[in-house]
Amino acid sequence: MPLTDHGKKHMCFKCGTKFYDLYKEETICPSCGANQADKPDTPAPTRAAAFATARASLMATERSILSGAEADEADDTDAEDEEMIGDIGGGDEEEEEEEEEESSDDDDDD
C-alpha cells in the first residue's frame, strides 16, 4: 500500500488528538473542533511533566499514609508496654487478694 501525503501532522492543544491538516488553510481539530490558530502562547504540559506531577502527588500521599501507619504502630507499642507493666504490677495485687481470702477463711474457722 503506497504512502500518501495528508498534509502537515498536528496535535490538538486542547484535547491532544493527533491529526493531519489535509492541506486546509484553517487547522481545526476533528475531535473537539478547536481552531489550532487559537493555540495559547504557553506550551501545553508534556507527558513527562504530567507524569512527574502525578508521581509527586502519589509519593506525597504514600508518605502521609506511611507516617500515619508509623504513628499507629507507636500507639500499639505503647499499649503493649502498658499491658506488660500492668502484668508485672498486677502480680502483687493478686497475691494480696489471695492473702486476704486466706485470712478471711481463717477467721471463719474461729
C-alpha atoms as a PDB file:
ATOM      1  CA  MET A   1       0.000   0.000   0.000  1.00  0.00           C
ATOM      2  CA  PRO A   2       1.585   3.294  -1.042  1.00  0.00           C
ATOM      3  CA  LEU A   3       2.011   6.085   1.457  1.00  0.00           C
ATOM      4  CA  THR A   4       0.008   9.200   0.613  1.00  0.00           C
ATOM      5  CA  ASP A   5       0.698  12.657   1.885  1.00  0.00           C
ATOM      6  CA  HIS A   6      -2.117  14.034   4.055  1.00  0.00           C
ATOM      7  CA  GLY A   7      -0.560  17.361   4.801  1.00  0.00           C
ATOM      8  CA  LYS A   8       1.105  18.542   7.955  1.00  0.00           C
ATOM      9  CA  LYS A   9       0.633  16.497  11.128  1.00  0.00           C
ATOM     10  CA  HIS A  10      -0.709  18.369  14.174  1.00  0.00           C
ATOM     11  CA  MET A  11      -1.558  17.619  17.759  1.00  0.00           C
ATOM     12  CA  CYS A  12      -4.542  19.468  19.180  1.00  0.00           C
ATOM     13  CA  PHE A  13      -3.604  21.829  22.015  1.00  0.00           C
ATOM     14  CA  LYS A  14      -6.986  21.294  23.666  1.00  0.00           C
ATOM     15  CA  CYS A  15      -7.642  17.533  23.564  1.00  0.00           C
ATOM     16  CA  GLY A  16      -4.312  16.080  22.411  1.00  0.00           C
ATOM     17  CA  THR A  17      -5.712  14.335  19.315  1.00  0.00           C
ATOM     18  CA  LYS A  18      -3.202  13.825  16.513  1.00  0.00           C
ATOM     19  CA  PHE A  19      -4.434  14.663  13.023  1.00  0.00           C
ATOM     20  CA  TYR A  20      -3.372  15.863   9.579  1.00  0.00           C
ATOM     21  CA  ASP A  21      -4.454  19.257   8.231  1.00  0.00           C
ATOM     22  CA  LEU A  22      -5.273  17.834   4.745  1.00  0.00           C
ATOM     23  CA  TYR A  23      -3.699  20.961   3.253  1.00  0.00           C
ATOM     24  CA  LYS A  24      -6.501  23.172   4.539  1.00  0.00           C
ATOM     25  CA  GLU A  25      -5.816  26.794   5.468  1.00  0.00           C
ATOM     26  CA  GLU A  26      -7.547  26.556   8.872  1.00  0.00           C
ATOM     27  CA  THR A  27      -6.325  23.755  11.044  1.00  0.00           C
ATOM     28  CA  ILE A  28      -9.327  22.549  13.042  1.00  0.00           C
ATOM     29  CA  CYS A  29      -9.257  19.518  15.318  1.00  0.00           C
ATOM     30  CA  PRO A  30     -11.643  16.813  14.078  1.00  0.00           C
ATOM     31  CA  SER A  31     -12.374  15.627  17.643  1.00  0.00           C
ATOM     32  CA  CYS A  32     -13.111  18.790  19.612  1.00  0.00           C
ATOM     33  CA  GLY A  33     -13.342  21.425  16.872  1.00  0.00           C
ATOM     34  CA  ALA A  34     -10.663  23.706  18.353  1.00  0.00           C
ATOM     35  CA  ASN A  35      -9.013  26.013  15.854  1.00  0.00           C
ATOM     36  CA  GLN A  36      -5.276  25.463  16.160  1.00  0.00           C
ATOM     37  CA  ALA A  37      -4.631  29.124  15.323  1.00  0.00           C
ATOM     38  CA  ASP A  38      -6.135  29.947  18.747  1.00  0.00           C
ATOM     39  CA  LYS A  39      -3.383  27.975  20.445  1.00  0.00           C
ATOM     40  CA  PRO A  40      -2.141  29.799  23.587  1.00  0.00           C
ATOM     41  CA  ASP A  41       1.403  31.149  23.686  1.00  0.00           C
ATOM     42  CA  THR A  42       2.411  28.930  26.587  1.00  0.00           C
ATOM     43  CA  PRO A  43       3.133  25.367  25.598  1.00  0.00           C
ATOM     44  CA  ALA A  44       0.876  22.633  26.891  1.00  0.00           C
ATOM     45  CA  PRO A  45       2.388  20.418  29.565  1.00  0.00           C
ATOM     46  CA  THR A  46       4.199  17.432  28.158  1.00  0.00           C
ATOM     47  CA  ARG A  47       3.504  13.860  29.150  1.00  0.00           C
ATOM     48  CA  ALA A  48       6.720  13.803  31.142  1.00  0.00           C
ATOM     49  CA  ALA A  49       5.684  16.876  33.117  1.00  0.00           C
ATOM     50  CA  ALA A  50       2.226  15.428  33.757  1.00  0.00           C
ATOM     51  CA  PHE A  51       3.794  12.128  34.836  1.00  0.00           C
ATOM     52  CA  ALA A  52       6.207  13.917  37.196  1.00  0.00           C
ATOM     53  CA  THR A  53       3.349  15.873  38.781  1.00  0.00           C
ATOM     54  CA  ALA A  54       1.246  12.744  39.237  1.00  0.00           C
ATOM     55  CA  ARG A  55       4.195  10.840  40.686  1.00  0.00           C
ATOM     56  CA  ALA A  56       4.984  13.614  43.171  1.00  0.00           C
ATOM     57  CA  SER A  57       1.361  13.664  44.277  1.00  0.00           C
ATOM     58  CA  LEU A  58       1.321   9.885  44.698  1.00  0.00           C
ATOM     59  CA  MET A  59       4.540   9.903  46.701  1.00  0.00           C
ATOM     60  CA  ALA A  60       3.196  12.618  48.997  1.00  0.00           C
ATOM     61  CA  THR A  61       0.061  10.546  49.585  1.00  0.00           C
ATOM     62  CA  GLU A  62       2.139   7.449  50.325  1.00  0.00           C
ATOM     63  CA  ARG A  63       4.298   9.398  52.781  1.00  0.00           C
ATOM     64  CA  SER A  64       1.242  10.650  54.648  1.00  0.00           C
ATOM     65  CA  ILE A  65      -0.220   7.133  54.795  1.00  0.00           C
ATOM     66  CA  LEU A  66       3.060   5.646  55.986  1.00  0.00           C
ATOM     67  CA  SER A  67       3.583   8.333  58.606  1.00  0.00           C
ATOM     68  CA  GLY A  68       0.072   7.626  59.891  1.00  0.00           C
ATOM     69  CA  ALA A  69       0.833   3.878  59.999  1.00  0.00           C
ATOM     70  CA  GLU A  70       4.050   4.527  61.921  1.00  0.00           C
ATOM     71  CA  ALA A  71       2.114   6.611  64.432  1.00  0.00           C
ATOM     72  CA  ASP A  72      -0.413   3.782  64.832  1.00  0.00           C
ATOM     73  CA  GLU A  73       2.424   1.305  65.393  1.00  0.00           C
ATOM     74  CA  ALA A  74       3.882   3.584  68.055  1.00  0.00           C
ATOM     75  CA  ASP A  75       0.484   3.751  69.777  1.00  0.00           C
ATOM     76  CA  ASP A  76       0.211  -0.047  69.660  1.00  0.00           C
ATOM     77  CA  THR A  77       3.681  -0.385  71.161  1.00  0.00           C
ATOM     78  CA  ASP A  78       2.772   1.983  73.984  1.00  0.00           C
ATOM     79  CA  ALA A  79      -0.377  -0.006  74.725  1.00  0.00           C
ATOM     80  CA  GLU A  80       1.593  -3.260  74.739  1.00  0.00           C
ATOM     81  CA  ASP A  81       4.168  -1.739  77.101  1.00  0.00           C
ATOM     82  CA  GLU A  82       1.427  -0.617  79.474  1.00  0.00           C
ATOM     83  CA  GLU A  83      -0.085  -4.106  79.440  1.00  0.00           C
ATOM     84  CA  MET A  84       3.282  -5.626  80.264  1.00  0.00           C
ATOM     85  CA  ILE A  85       3.832  -3.153  83.092  1.00  0.00           C
ATOM     86  CA  GLY A  86       0.320  -3.855  84.330  1.00  0.00           C
ATOM     87  CA  ASP A  87       1.046  -7.594  84.288  1.00  0.00           C
ATOM     88  CA  ILE A  88       4.199  -7.105  86.318  1.00  0.00           C
ATOM     89  CA  GLY A  89       2.466  -4.876  88.851  1.00  0.00           C
ATOM     90  CA  GLY A  90      -0.710  -6.965  88.766  1.00  0.00           C
ATOM     91  CA  GLY A  91       1.035  -9.964  90.321  1.00  0.00           C
ATOM     92  CA  ASP A  92       1.395  -8.170  93.678  1.00  0.00           C
ATOM     93  CA  GLU A  93      -2.288  -7.281  93.771  1.00  0.00           C
ATOM     94  CA  GLU A  94      -3.309 -10.872  93.106  1.00  0.00           C
ATOM     95  CA  GLU A  95      -1.063 -12.080  95.895  1.00  0.00           C
ATOM     96  CA  GLU A  96      -2.600  -9.553  98.287  1.00  0.00           C
ATOM     97  CA  GLU A  97      -6.108 -10.695  97.312  1.00  0.00           C
ATOM     98  CA  GLU A  98      -5.150 -14.336  97.891  1.00  0.00           C
ATOM     99  CA  GLU A  99      -3.717 -13.452 101.301  1.00  0.00           C
ATOM    100  CA  GLU A 100      -6.912 -11.595 102.235  1.00  0.00           C
ATOM    101  CA  GLU A 101      -9.030 -14.576 101.171  1.00  0.00           C
ATOM    102  CA  GLU A 102      -6.874 -16.937 103.224  1.00  0.00           C
ATOM    103  CA  SER A 103      -7.053 -14.702 106.257  1.00  0.00           C
ATOM    104  CA  SER A 104     -10.823 -14.380 105.909  1.00  0.00           C
ATOM    105  CA  ASP A 105     -11.073 -18.177 105.608  1.00  0.00           C
ATOM    106  CA  ASP A 106      -9.036 -18.488 108.802  1.00  0.00           C
ATOM    107  CA  ASP A 107     -11.370 -16.053 110.561  1.00  0.00           C
ATOM    108  CA  ASP A 108     -14.406 -18.110 109.516  1.00  0.00           C
ATOM    109  CA  ASP A 109     -12.914 -21.210 111.162  1.00  0.00           C
ATOM    110  CA  ASP A 110     -12.855 -19.494 114.604  1.00  0.00           C
END
